[in-house]
PDB file of N, CA and C in Angstrom:
ATOM      1  N   MET A   1     -31.438   2.099  -8.848  1.00  0.00           N
ATOM      2  CA  MET A   1     -30.189   2.414  -9.518  1.00  0.00           C
ATOM      3  C   MET A   1     -29.083   1.533  -8.924  1.00  0.00           C
ATOM      4  N   ASP A   2     -28.286   0.946  -9.780  1.00  0.00           N
ATOM      5  CA  ASP A   2     -27.152   0.133  -9.335  1.00  0.00           C
ATOM      6  C   ASP A   2     -25.897   0.986  -9.396  1.00  0.00           C
ATOM      7  N   CYS A   3     -25.342   1.277  -8.240  1.00  0.00           N
ATOM      8  CA  CYS A   3     -24.169   2.139  -8.175  1.00  0.00           C
ATOM      9  C   CYS A   3     -22.856   1.367  -8.270  1.00  0.00           C
ATOM     10  N   GLY A   4     -22.880   0.064  -8.131  1.00  0.00           N
ATOM     11  CA  GLY A   4     -21.661  -0.733  -8.223  1.00  0.00           C
ATOM     12  C   GLY A   4     -21.078  -1.053  -6.858  1.00  0.00           C
ATOM     13  N   ASP A   5     -20.045  -1.883  -6.880  1.00  0.00           N
ATOM     14  CA  ASP A   5     -19.397  -2.324  -5.647  1.00  0.00           C
ATOM     15  C   ASP A   5     -18.835  -1.157  -4.852  1.00  0.00           C
ATOM     16  N   GLY A   6     -19.077  -1.171  -3.551  1.00  0.00           N
ATOM     17  CA  GLY A   6     -18.535  -0.158  -2.658  1.00  0.00           C
ATOM     18  C   GLY A   6     -19.264   1.171  -2.712  1.00  0.00           C
ATOM     19  N   MET A   7     -20.339   1.218  -3.475  1.00  0.00           N
ATOM     20  CA  MET A   7     -21.105   2.465  -3.627  1.00  0.00           C
ATOM     21  C   MET A   7     -22.550   2.219  -3.204  1.00  0.00           C
ATOM     22  N   ARG A   8     -23.254   3.301  -2.960  1.00  0.00           N
ATOM     23  CA  ARG A   8     -24.680   3.222  -2.621  1.00  0.00           C
ATOM     24  C   ARG A   8     -25.392   4.433  -3.198  1.00  0.00           C
ATOM     25  N   CYS A   9     -26.695   4.341  -3.240  1.00  0.00           N
ATOM     26  CA  CYS A   9     -27.515   5.434  -3.732  1.00  0.00           C
ATOM     27  C   CYS A   9     -27.799   6.388  -2.573  1.00  0.00           C
ATOM     28  N   ALA A  10     -27.418   7.640  -2.730  1.00  0.00           N
ATOM     29  CA  ALA A  10     -27.646   8.661  -1.697  1.00  0.00           C
ATOM     30  C   ALA A  10     -29.093   9.152  -1.768  1.00  0.00           C
ATOM     31  N   ALA A  11     -29.489   9.945  -0.786  1.00  0.00           N
ATOM     32  CA  ALA A  11     -30.861  10.469  -0.720  1.00  0.00           C
ATOM     33  C   ALA A  11     -31.217  11.292  -1.952  1.00  0.00           C
ATOM     34  N   ASP A  12     -30.223  11.957  -2.563  1.00  0.00           N
ATOM     35  CA  ASP A  12     -30.490  12.784  -3.743  1.00  0.00           C
ATOM     36  C   ASP A  12     -30.474  11.976  -5.042  1.00  0.00           C
ATOM     37  N   GLY A  13     -30.268  10.655  -4.932  1.00  0.00           N
ATOM     38  CA  GLY A  13     -30.269   9.794  -6.100  1.00  0.00           C
ATOM     39  C   GLY A  13     -28.907   9.584  -6.733  1.00  0.00           C
ATOM     40  N   ALA A  14     -27.911  10.319  -6.280  1.00  0.00           N
ATOM     41  CA  ALA A  14     -26.556  10.162  -6.818  1.00  0.00           C
ATOM     42  C   ALA A  14     -25.849   9.011  -6.101  1.00  0.00           C
ATOM     43  N   CYS A  15     -24.873   8.443  -6.756  1.00  0.00           N
ATOM     44  CA  CYS A  15     -24.084   7.383  -6.129  1.00  0.00           C
ATOM     45  C   CYS A  15     -23.016   8.000  -5.230  1.00  0.00           C
ATOM     46  N   GLU A  16     -22.761   7.346  -4.093  1.00  0.00           N
ATOM     47  CA  GLU A  16     -21.724   7.799  -3.172  1.00  0.00           C
ATOM     48  C   GLU A  16     -21.016   6.589  -2.569  1.00  0.00           C
ATOM     49  N   PRO A  17     -19.747   6.771  -2.140  1.00  0.00           N
ATOM     50  CA  PRO A  17     -19.023   5.656  -1.517  1.00  0.00           C
ATOM     51  C   PRO A  17     -19.670   5.262  -0.188  1.00  0.00           C
ATOM     52  N   ILE A  18     -19.662   3.957   0.106  1.00  0.00           N
ATOM     53  CA  ILE A  18     -20.127   3.482   1.408  1.00  0.00           C
ATOM     54  C   ILE A  18     -18.973   3.670   2.390  1.00  0.00           C
ATOM     55  N   PRO A  19     -19.172   4.428   3.471  1.00  0.00           N
ATOM     56  CA  PRO A  19     -18.095   4.608   4.449  1.00  0.00           C
ATOM     57  C   PRO A  19     -17.797   3.297   5.184  1.00  0.00           C
ATOM     58  N   CYS A  20     -16.537   3.123   5.567  1.00  0.00           N
ATOM     59  CA  CYS A  20     -16.174   1.911   6.314  1.00  0.00           C
ATOM     60  C   CYS A  20     -16.874   1.888   7.668  1.00  0.00           C
ATOM     61  N   SER A  21     -17.234   3.038   8.175  1.00  0.00           N
ATOM     62  CA  SER A  21     -17.955   3.101   9.451  1.00  0.00           C
ATOM     63  C   SER A  21     -19.403   2.623   9.303  1.00  0.00           C
ATOM     64  N   GLU A  22     -19.825   2.402   8.039  1.00  0.00           N
ATOM     65  CA  GLU A  22     -21.183   1.929   7.779  1.00  0.00           C
ATOM     66  C   GLU A  22     -21.203   0.622   6.998  1.00  0.00           C
ATOM     67  N   GLY A  23     -20.119  -0.148   7.107  1.00  0.00           N
ATOM     68  CA  GLY A  23     -20.141  -1.487   6.535  1.00  0.00           C
ATOM     69  C   GLY A  23     -19.157  -1.792   5.429  1.00  0.00           C
ATOM     70  N   PHE A  24     -18.520  -0.794   4.812  1.00  0.00           N
ATOM     71  CA  PHE A  24     -17.531  -1.108   3.780  1.00  0.00           C
ATOM     72  C   PHE A  24     -16.331  -1.756   4.459  1.00  0.00           C
ATOM     73  N   ALA A  25     -15.844  -2.865   3.924  1.00  0.00           N
ATOM     74  CA  ALA A  25     -14.727  -3.603   4.517  1.00  0.00           C
ATOM     75  C   ALA A  25     -13.391  -3.090   3.969  1.00  0.00           C
ATOM     76  N   CYS A  26     -12.552  -2.570   4.851  1.00  0.00           N
ATOM     77  CA  CYS A  26     -11.222  -2.113   4.461  1.00  0.00           C
ATOM     78  C   CYS A  26     -10.330  -3.321   4.188  1.00  0.00           C
ATOM     79  N   VAL A  27      -9.389  -3.175   3.260  1.00  0.00           N
ATOM     80  CA  VAL A  27      -8.473  -4.267   2.922  1.00  0.00           C
ATOM     81  C   VAL A  27      -7.398  -4.411   4.004  1.00  0.00           C
ATOM     82  N   ASP A  28      -6.718  -5.574   4.004  1.00  0.00           N
ATOM     83  CA  ASP A  28      -5.623  -5.806   4.937  1.00  0.00           C
ATOM     84  C   ASP A  28      -4.590  -4.688   4.814  1.00  0.00           C
ATOM     85  N   GLY A  29      -4.047  -4.282   5.935  1.00  0.00           N
ATOM     86  CA  GLY A  29      -3.047  -3.227   5.957  1.00  0.00           C
ATOM     87  C   GLY A  29      -3.636  -1.836   6.094  1.00  0.00           C
ATOM     88  N   THR A  30      -4.976  -1.776   6.162  1.00  0.00           N
ATOM     89  CA  THR A  30      -5.649  -0.491   6.378  1.00  0.00           C
ATOM     90  C   THR A  30      -6.616  -0.631   7.541  1.00  0.00           C
ATOM     91  N   ARG A  31      -7.048   0.506   8.062  1.00  0.00           N
ATOM     92  CA  ARG A  31      -8.044   0.508   9.137  1.00  0.00           C
ATOM     93  C   ARG A  31      -9.060   1.605   8.852  1.00  0.00           C
ATOM     94  N   CYS A  32     -10.211   1.473   9.471  1.00  0.00           N
ATOM     95  CA  CYS A  32     -11.296   2.424   9.255  1.00  0.00           C
ATOM     96  C   CYS A  32     -11.045   3.710  10.030  1.00  0.00           C
ATOM     97  N   GLU A  33     -10.944   4.795   9.308  1.00  0.00           N
ATOM     98  CA  GLU A  33     -10.814   6.143   9.867  1.00  0.00           C
ATOM     99  C   GLU A  33     -11.961   6.965   9.279  1.00  0.00           C
ATOM    100  N   THR A  34     -11.667   8.127   8.751  1.00  0.00           N
ATOM    101  CA  THR A  34     -12.642   8.930   8.017  1.00  0.00           C
ATOM    102  C   THR A  34     -12.022   9.293   6.678  1.00  0.00           C
ATOM    103  N   PRO A  35     -12.840   9.611   5.678  1.00  0.00           N
ATOM    104  CA  PRO A  35     -12.273   9.995   4.386  1.00  0.00           C
ATOM    105  C   PRO A  35     -11.330  11.201   4.470  1.00  0.00           C
ATOM    106  N   ALA A  36     -11.464  12.019   5.503  1.00  0.00           N
ATOM    107  CA  ALA A  36     -10.593  13.185   5.660  1.00  0.00           C
ATOM    108  C   ALA A  36      -9.248  12.852   6.310  1.00  0.00           C
ATOM    109  N   SER A  37      -9.077  11.622   6.809  1.00  0.00           N
ATOM    110  CA  SER A  37      -7.823  11.215   7.450  1.00  0.00           C
ATOM    111  C   SER A  37      -6.699  11.139   6.429  1.00  0.00           C
ATOM    112  N   ALA A  38      -5.480  11.390   6.895  1.00  0.00           N
ATOM    113  CA  ALA A  38      -4.310  11.356   6.015  1.00  0.00           C
ATOM    114  C   ALA A  38      -4.183  10.005   5.320  1.00  0.00           C
ATOM    115  N   GLY A  39      -4.114  10.023   3.989  1.00  0.00           N
ATOM    116  CA  GLY A  39      -3.928   8.817   3.208  1.00  0.00           C
ATOM    117  C   GLY A  39      -5.165   7.965   3.030  1.00  0.00           C
ATOM    118  N   ALA A  40      -6.296   8.373   3.596  1.00  0.00           N
ATOM    119  CA  ALA A  40      -7.518   7.567   3.515  1.00  0.00           C
ATOM    120  C   ALA A  40      -8.129   7.622   2.119  1.00  0.00           C
ATOM    121  N   ASP A  41      -8.793   6.522   1.743  1.00  0.00           N
ATOM    122  CA  ASP A  41      -9.508   6.512   0.469  1.00  0.00           C
ATOM    123  C   ASP A  41     -10.920   7.074   0.676  1.00  0.00           C
ATOM    124  N   VAL A  42     -11.738   7.024  -0.368  1.00  0.00           N
ATOM    125  CA  VAL A  42     -13.078   7.610  -0.306  1.00  0.00           C
ATOM    126  C   VAL A  42     -13.998   6.914   0.689  1.00  0.00           C
ATOM    127  N   HIS A  43     -13.636   5.702   1.115  1.00  0.00           N
ATOM    128  CA  HIS A  43     -14.439   4.961   2.090  1.00  0.00           C
ATOM    129  C   HIS A  43     -13.988   5.240   3.526  1.00  0.00           C
ATOM    130  N   GLY A  44     -12.829   5.891   3.677  1.00  0.00           N
ATOM    131  CA  GLY A  44     -12.289   6.168   5.001  1.00  0.00           C
ATOM    132  C   GLY A  44     -11.250   5.155   5.440  1.00  0.00           C
ATOM    133  N   CYS A  45     -10.837   4.263   4.558  1.00  0.00           N
ATOM    134  CA  CYS A  45      -9.811   3.272   4.889  1.00  0.00           C
ATOM    135  C   CYS A  45      -8.435   3.911   4.747  1.00  0.00           C
ATOM    136  N   ALA A  46      -7.659   3.908   5.830  1.00  0.00           N
ATOM    137  CA  ALA A  46      -6.340   4.551   5.845  1.00  0.00           C
ATOM    138  C   ALA A  46      -5.259   3.510   6.112  1.00  0.00           C
ATOM    139  N   PRO A  47      -4.078   3.683   5.489  1.00  0.00           N
ATOM    140  CA  PRO A  47      -2.992   2.731   5.711  1.00  0.00           C
ATOM    141  C   PRO A  47      -2.557   2.702   7.173  1.00  0.00           C
ATOM    142  N   ILE A  48      -2.240   1.503   7.659  1.00  0.00           N
ATOM    143  CA  ILE A  48      -1.670   1.355   8.998  1.00  0.00           C
ATOM    144  C   ILE A  48      -0.168   1.552   8.855  1.00  0.00           C
ATOM    145  N   GLY A  49       0.405   2.439   9.646  1.00  0.00           N
ATOM    146  CA  GLY A  49       1.833   2.707   9.573  1.00  0.00           C
ATOM    147  C   GLY A  49       2.660   1.573  10.161  1.00  0.00           C
ATOM    148  N   CYS A  50       3.896   1.467   9.687  1.00  0.00           N
ATOM    149  CA  CYS A  50       4.779   0.411  10.201  1.00  0.00           C
ATOM    150  C   CYS A  50       5.164   0.656  11.657  1.00  0.00           C
ATOM    151  N   THR A  51       4.999   1.869  12.146  1.00  0.00           N
ATOM    152  CA  THR A  51       5.245   2.144  13.562  1.00  0.00           C
ATOM    153  C   THR A  51       3.997   1.880  14.402  1.00  0.00           C
ATOM    154  N   GLU A  52       2.899   1.500  13.710  1.00  0.00           N
ATOM    155  CA  GLU A  52       1.625   1.255  14.386  1.00  0.00           C
ATOM    156  C   GLU A  52       1.160  -0.191  14.250  1.00  0.00           C
ATOM    157  N   GLY A  53       2.068  -1.086  13.835  1.00  0.00           N
ATOM    158  CA  GLY A  53       1.705  -2.489  13.771  1.00  0.00           C
ATOM    159  C   GLY A  53       1.761  -3.121  12.396  1.00  0.00           C
ATOM    160  N   PHE A  54       1.869  -2.346  11.320  1.00  0.00           N
ATOM    161  CA  PHE A  54       1.990  -2.935   9.989  1.00  0.00           C
ATOM    162  C   PHE A  54       3.400  -3.517   9.848  1.00  0.00           C
ATOM    163  N   THR A  55       3.507  -4.724   9.324  1.00  0.00           N
ATOM    164  CA  THR A  55       4.800  -5.360   9.114  1.00  0.00           C
ATOM    165  C   THR A  55       5.242  -5.123   7.677  1.00  0.00           C
ATOM    166  N   CYS A  56       6.387  -4.474   7.521  1.00  0.00           N
ATOM    167  CA  CYS A  56       6.917  -4.193   6.181  1.00  0.00           C
ATOM    168  C   CYS A  56       7.268  -5.497   5.475  1.00  0.00           C
ATOM    169  N   PRO A  57       7.059  -5.556   4.159  1.00  0.00           N
ATOM    170  CA  PRO A  57       7.383  -6.764   3.403  1.00  0.00           C
ATOM    171  C   PRO A  57       8.888  -7.052   3.380  1.00  0.00           C
ATOM    172  N   ALA A  58       9.229  -8.262   2.951  1.00  0.00           N
ATOM    173  CA  ALA A  58      10.632  -8.660   2.835  1.00  0.00           C
ATOM    174  C   ALA A  58      11.403  -7.661   1.981  1.00  0.00           C
ATOM    175  N   GLN A  59      12.637  -7.408   2.365  1.00  0.00           N
ATOM    176  CA  GLN A  59      13.570  -6.516   1.676  1.00  0.00           C
ATOM    177  C   GLN A  59      13.193  -5.042   1.791  1.00  0.00           C
ATOM    178  N   THR A  60      12.318  -4.721   2.746  1.00  0.00           N
ATOM    179  CA  THR A  60      12.005  -3.328   3.065  1.00  0.00           C
ATOM    180  C   THR A  60      12.165  -3.142   4.570  1.00  0.00           C
ATOM    181  N   ALA A  61      12.245  -1.887   4.981  1.00  0.00           N
ATOM    182  CA  ALA A  61      12.382  -1.574   6.406  1.00  0.00           C
ATOM    183  C   ALA A  61      11.493  -0.389   6.749  1.00  0.00           C
ATOM    184  N   CYS A  62      11.099  -0.310   8.000  1.00  0.00           N
ATOM    185  CA  CYS A  62      10.285   0.798   8.490  1.00  0.00           C
ATOM    186  C   CYS A  62      11.206   1.985   8.755  1.00  0.00           C
ATOM    187  N   VAL A  63      10.980   3.069   8.017  1.00  0.00           N
ATOM    188  CA  VAL A  63      11.801   4.271   8.156  1.00  0.00           C
ATOM    189  C   VAL A  63      10.857   5.469   8.227  1.00  0.00           C
ATOM    190  N   THR A  64      10.792   6.106   9.381  1.00  0.00           N
ATOM    191  CA  THR A  64       9.894   7.247   9.536  1.00  0.00           C
ATOM    192  C   THR A  64      10.484   8.489   8.877  1.00  0.00           C
ATOM    193  N   GLY A  65       9.642   9.240   8.228  1.00  0.00           N
ATOM    194  CA  GLY A  65      10.036  10.510   7.631  1.00  0.00           C
ATOM    195  C   GLY A  65      10.786  10.415   6.316  1.00  0.00           C
ATOM    196  N   ASP A  66      10.936   9.243   5.738  1.00  0.00           N
ATOM    197  CA  ASP A  66      11.649   9.100   4.467  1.00  0.00           C
ATOM    198  C   ASP A  66      10.686   9.389   3.319  1.00  0.00           C
ATOM    199  N   PRO A  67      11.011  10.359   2.451  1.00  0.00           N
ATOM    200  CA  PRO A  67      10.096  10.687   1.346  1.00  0.00           C
ATOM    201  C   PRO A  67       9.908   9.558   0.328  1.00  0.00           C
ATOM    202  N   SER A  68      10.809   8.564   0.317  1.00  0.00           N
ATOM    203  CA  SER A  68      10.654   7.455  -0.622  1.00  0.00           C
ATOM    204  C   SER A  68       9.834   6.308  -0.028  1.00  0.00           C
ATOM    205  N   ALA A  69       9.363   6.462   1.197  1.00  0.00           N
ATOM    206  CA  ALA A  69       8.578   5.413   1.863  1.00  0.00           C
ATOM    207  C   ALA A  69       7.207   5.253   1.197  1.00  0.00           C
ATOM    208  N   ASP A  70       6.668   4.027   1.281  1.00  0.00           N
ATOM    209  CA  ASP A  70       5.314   3.800   0.778  1.00  0.00           C
ATOM    210  C   ASP A  70       4.302   4.315   1.809  1.00  0.00           C
ATOM    211  N   ALA A  71       3.037   4.085   1.568  1.00  0.00           N
ATOM    212  CA  ALA A  71       1.976   4.611   2.443  1.00  0.00           C
ATOM    213  C   ALA A  71       2.067   4.096   3.874  1.00  0.00           C
ATOM    214  N   HIS A  72       2.744   2.964   4.083  1.00  0.00           N
ATOM    215  CA  HIS A  72       2.888   2.385   5.417  1.00  0.00           C
ATOM    216  C   HIS A  72       4.173   2.847   6.112  1.00  0.00           C
ATOM    217  N   GLY A  73       5.062   3.532   5.393  1.00  0.00           N
ATOM    218  CA  GLY A  73       6.343   3.953   5.951  1.00  0.00           C
ATOM    219  C   GLY A  73       7.472   2.982   5.660  1.00  0.00           C
ATOM    220  N   CYS A  74       7.261   2.043   4.748  1.00  0.00           N
ATOM    221  CA  CYS A  74       8.274   1.034   4.408  1.00  0.00           C
ATOM    222  C   CYS A  74       9.125   1.524   3.243  1.00  0.00           C
ATOM    223  N   VAL A  75      10.435   1.286   3.357  1.00  0.00           N
ATOM    224  CA  VAL A  75      11.387   1.719   2.335  1.00  0.00           C
ATOM    225  C   VAL A  75      12.169   0.502   1.845  1.00  0.00           C
ATOM    226  N   ARG A  76      12.285   0.373   0.531  1.00  0.00           N
ATOM    227  CA  ARG A  76      13.049  -0.727  -0.070  1.00  0.00           C
ATOM    228  C   ARG A  76      14.532  -0.463   0.125  1.00  0.00           C
ATOM    229  N   GLY A  77      15.294  -1.501   0.505  1.00  0.00           N
ATOM    230  CA  GLY A  77      16.729  -1.387   0.713  1.00  0.00           C
ATOM    231  C   GLY A  77      17.464  -1.122  -0.594  1.00  0.00           C
ATOM    232  N   THR A  78      18.561  -0.372  -0.519  1.00  0.00           N
ATOM    233  CA  THR A  78      19.389  -0.123  -1.694  1.00  0.00           C
ATOM    234  C   THR A  78      20.607  -1.035  -1.654  1.00  0.00           C
ATOM    235  N   CYS A  79      21.205  -1.286  -2.819  1.00  0.00           N
ATOM    236  CA  CYS A  79      22.302  -2.243  -2.892  1.00  0.00           C
ATOM    237  C   CYS A  79      23.102  -2.065  -4.173  1.00  0.00           C
ATOM    238  N   ASP A  80      24.283  -2.686  -4.167  1.00  0.00           N
ATOM    239  CA  ASP A  80      25.098  -2.829  -5.370  1.00  0.00           C
ATOM    240  C   ASP A  80      25.274  -4.302  -5.713  1.00  0.00           C
ATOM    241  N   MET A  81      25.035  -5.182  -4.718  1.00  0.00           N
ATOM    242  CA  MET A  81      25.155  -6.627  -4.936  1.00  0.00           C
ATOM    243  C   MET A  81      24.227  -7.364  -3.986  1.00  0.00           C
ATOM    244  N   ASP A  82      23.910  -8.623  -4.329  1.00  0.00           N
ATOM    245  CA  ASP A  82      22.970  -9.433  -3.553  1.00  0.00           C
ATOM    246  C   ASP A  82      23.337  -9.511  -2.072  1.00  0.00           C
ATOM    247  N   SER A  83      24.615  -9.601  -1.765  1.00  0.00           N
ATOM    248  CA  SER A  83      25.040  -9.771  -0.373  1.00  0.00           C
ATOM    249  C   SER A  83      24.676  -8.579   0.512  1.00  0.00           C
ATOM    250  N   GLU A  84      24.322  -7.449  -0.074  1.00  0.00           N
ATOM    251  CA  GLU A  84      23.919  -6.269   0.705  1.00  0.00           C
ATOM    252  C   GLU A  84      22.444  -6.307   1.089  1.00  0.00           C
ATOM    253  N   CYS A  85      21.699  -7.251   0.547  1.00  0.00           N
ATOM    254  CA  CYS A  85      20.281  -7.414   0.878  1.00  0.00           C
ATOM    255  C   CYS A  85      20.162  -8.403   2.028  1.00  0.00           C
ATOM    256  N   THR A  86      19.044  -8.344   2.770  1.00  0.00           N
ATOM    257  CA  THR A  86      18.855  -9.289   3.865  1.00  0.00           C
ATOM    258  C   THR A  86      18.759 -10.701   3.303  1.00  0.00           C
ATOM    259  N   THR A  87      18.876 -11.669   4.150  1.00  0.00           N
ATOM    260  CA  THR A  87      18.920 -13.077   3.760  1.00  0.00           C
ATOM    261  C   THR A  87      17.858 -13.418   2.723  1.00  0.00           C
ATOM    262  N   GLY A  88      18.312 -13.995   1.636  1.00  0.00           N
ATOM    263  CA  GLY A  88      17.399 -14.436   0.588  1.00  0.00           C
ATOM    264  C   GLY A  88      17.031 -13.349  -0.407  1.00  0.00           C
ATOM    265  N   GLY A  89      17.594 -12.147  -0.260  1.00  0.00           N
ATOM    266  CA  GLY A  89      17.248 -11.054  -1.151  1.00  0.00           C
ATOM    267  C   GLY A  89      18.170 -10.963  -2.353  1.00  0.00           C
ATOM    268  N   TYR A  90      17.708 -10.264  -3.375  1.00  0.00           N
ATOM    269  CA  TYR A  90      18.454 -10.076  -4.605  1.00  0.00           C
ATOM    270  C   TYR A  90      18.530  -8.597  -4.941  1.00  0.00           C
ATOM    271  N   CYS A  91      19.697  -8.169  -5.401  1.00  0.00           N
ATOM    272  CA  CYS A  91      19.882  -6.781  -5.815  1.00  0.00           C
ATOM    273  C   CYS A  91      19.467  -6.670  -7.281  1.00  0.00           C
ATOM    274  N   VAL A  92      18.401  -5.916  -7.537  1.00  0.00           N
ATOM    275  CA  VAL A  92      17.871  -5.729  -8.887  1.00  0.00           C
ATOM    276  C   VAL A  92      17.775  -4.232  -9.139  1.00  0.00           C
ATOM    277  N   GLU A  93      18.597  -3.756 -10.082  1.00  0.00           N
ATOM    278  CA  GLU A  93      18.625  -2.337 -10.432  1.00  0.00           C
ATOM    279  C   GLU A  93      18.775  -1.461  -9.190  1.00  0.00           C
ATOM    280  N   SER A  94      19.710  -1.841  -8.325  1.00  0.00           N
ATOM    281  CA  SER A  94      20.123  -1.078  -7.127  1.00  0.00           C
ATOM    282  C   SER A  94      19.135  -1.114  -5.961  1.00  0.00           C
ATOM    283  N   PHE A  95      18.132  -1.989  -6.015  1.00  0.00           N
ATOM    284  CA  PHE A  95      17.188  -2.137  -4.912  1.00  0.00           C
ATOM    285  C   PHE A  95      17.040  -3.611  -4.552  1.00  0.00           C
ATOM    286  N   CYS A  96      16.812  -3.880  -3.261  1.00  0.00           N
ATOM    287  CA  CYS A  96      16.659  -5.255  -2.773  1.00  0.00           C
ATOM    288  C   CYS A  96      15.222  -5.741  -2.988  1.00  0.00           C
ATOM    289  N   TYR A  97      15.111  -6.963  -3.516  1.00  0.00           N
ATOM    290  CA  TYR A  97      13.817  -7.592  -3.757  1.00  0.00           C
ATOM    291  C   TYR A  97      13.868  -9.034  -3.252  1.00  0.00           C
ATOM    292  N   PRO A  98      12.711  -9.613  -2.915  1.00  0.00           N
ATOM    293  CA  PRO A  98      12.696 -10.996  -2.435  1.00  0.00           C
ATOM    294  C   PRO A  98      12.867 -12.026  -3.554  1.00  0.00           C
ATOM    295  N   GLU A  99      12.807 -11.597  -4.820  1.00  0.00           N
ATOM    296  CA  GLU A  99      12.998 -12.529  -5.929  1.00  0.00           C
ATOM    297  C   GLU A  99      13.795 -11.851  -7.032  1.00  0.00           C
ATOM    298  N   LEU A 100      14.363 -12.664  -7.913  1.00  0.00           N
ATOM    299  CA  LEU A 100      15.143 -12.140  -9.020  1.00  0.00           C
ATOM    300  C   LEU A 100      14.274 -11.360  -9.993  1.00  0.00           C
ATOM    301  N   GLY A 101      14.883 -10.437 -10.698  1.00  0.00           N
ATOM    302  CA  GLY A 101      14.181  -9.704 -11.737  1.00  0.00           C
ATOM    303  C   GLY A 101      14.007 -10.582 -12.966  1.00  0.00           C
ATOM    304  N   ARG A 102      13.247 -10.118 -13.933  1.00  0.00           N
ATOM    305  CA  ARG A 102      13.002 -10.852 -15.170  1.00  0.00           C
ATOM    306  C   ARG A 102      13.357  -9.958 -16.343  1.00  0.00           C
ATOM    307  N   CYS A 103      14.020 -10.529 -17.315  1.00  0.00           N
ATOM    308  CA  CYS A 103      14.346  -9.800 -18.522  1.00  0.00           C
ATOM    309  C   CYS A 103      13.240 -10.050 -19.547  1.00  0.00           C
ATOM    310  N   LEU A 104      12.764  -9.000 -20.158  1.00  0.00           N
ATOM    311  CA  LEU A 104      11.703  -9.126 -21.157  1.00  0.00           C
ATOM    312  C   LEU A 104      12.144  -8.428 -22.438  1.00  0.00           C
ATOM    313  N   MET A 105      11.753  -8.978 -23.555  1.00  0.00           N
ATOM    314  CA  MET A 105      12.022  -8.340 -24.842  1.00  0.00           C
ATOM    315  C   MET A 105      11.087  -7.151 -24.981  1.00  0.00           C
ATOM    316  N   PRO A 106      11.579  -6.058 -25.547  1.00  0.00           N
ATOM    317  CA  PRO A 106      10.690  -4.901 -25.746  1.00  0.00           C
ATOM    318  C   PRO A 106       9.584  -5.257 -26.734  1.00  0.00           C
ATOM    319  N   SER A 107       8.424  -4.660 -26.544  1.00  0.00           N
ATOM    320  CA  SER A 107       7.309  -4.930 -27.455  1.00  0.00           C
ATOM    321  C   SER A 107       7.552  -4.206 -28.774  1.00  0.00           C
ATOM    322  N   ALA A 108       7.031  -4.768 -29.834  1.00  0.00           N
ATOM    323  CA  ALA A 108       7.270  -4.228 -31.173  1.00  0.00           C
ATOM    324  C   ALA A 108       6.424  -3.020 -31.449  1.00  0.00           C
TER     325      ALA A 108
END
């Protein structure tokens, strides 16, 4: 039986996720824990917090305990104008981004 990427055939014949502790490779920004760990996926890969070595992307900051933070604890800066964003940032719809926004025509 072919269970697909990241899966394996269990003893009962059903497909199950391959745990990272048994060879599944976690993506950058995550580390191998257990599937029961906070924020972990079915393989046991859990986000590395910004207070634990993860570097927040441009125009975000590490803020512990903020409900708007992403899985790593990074929060996008708020603004009213470009000058309120860190060097090279742009204020787009009240949030700082590393690049300008794009205007798109609505789909028909």
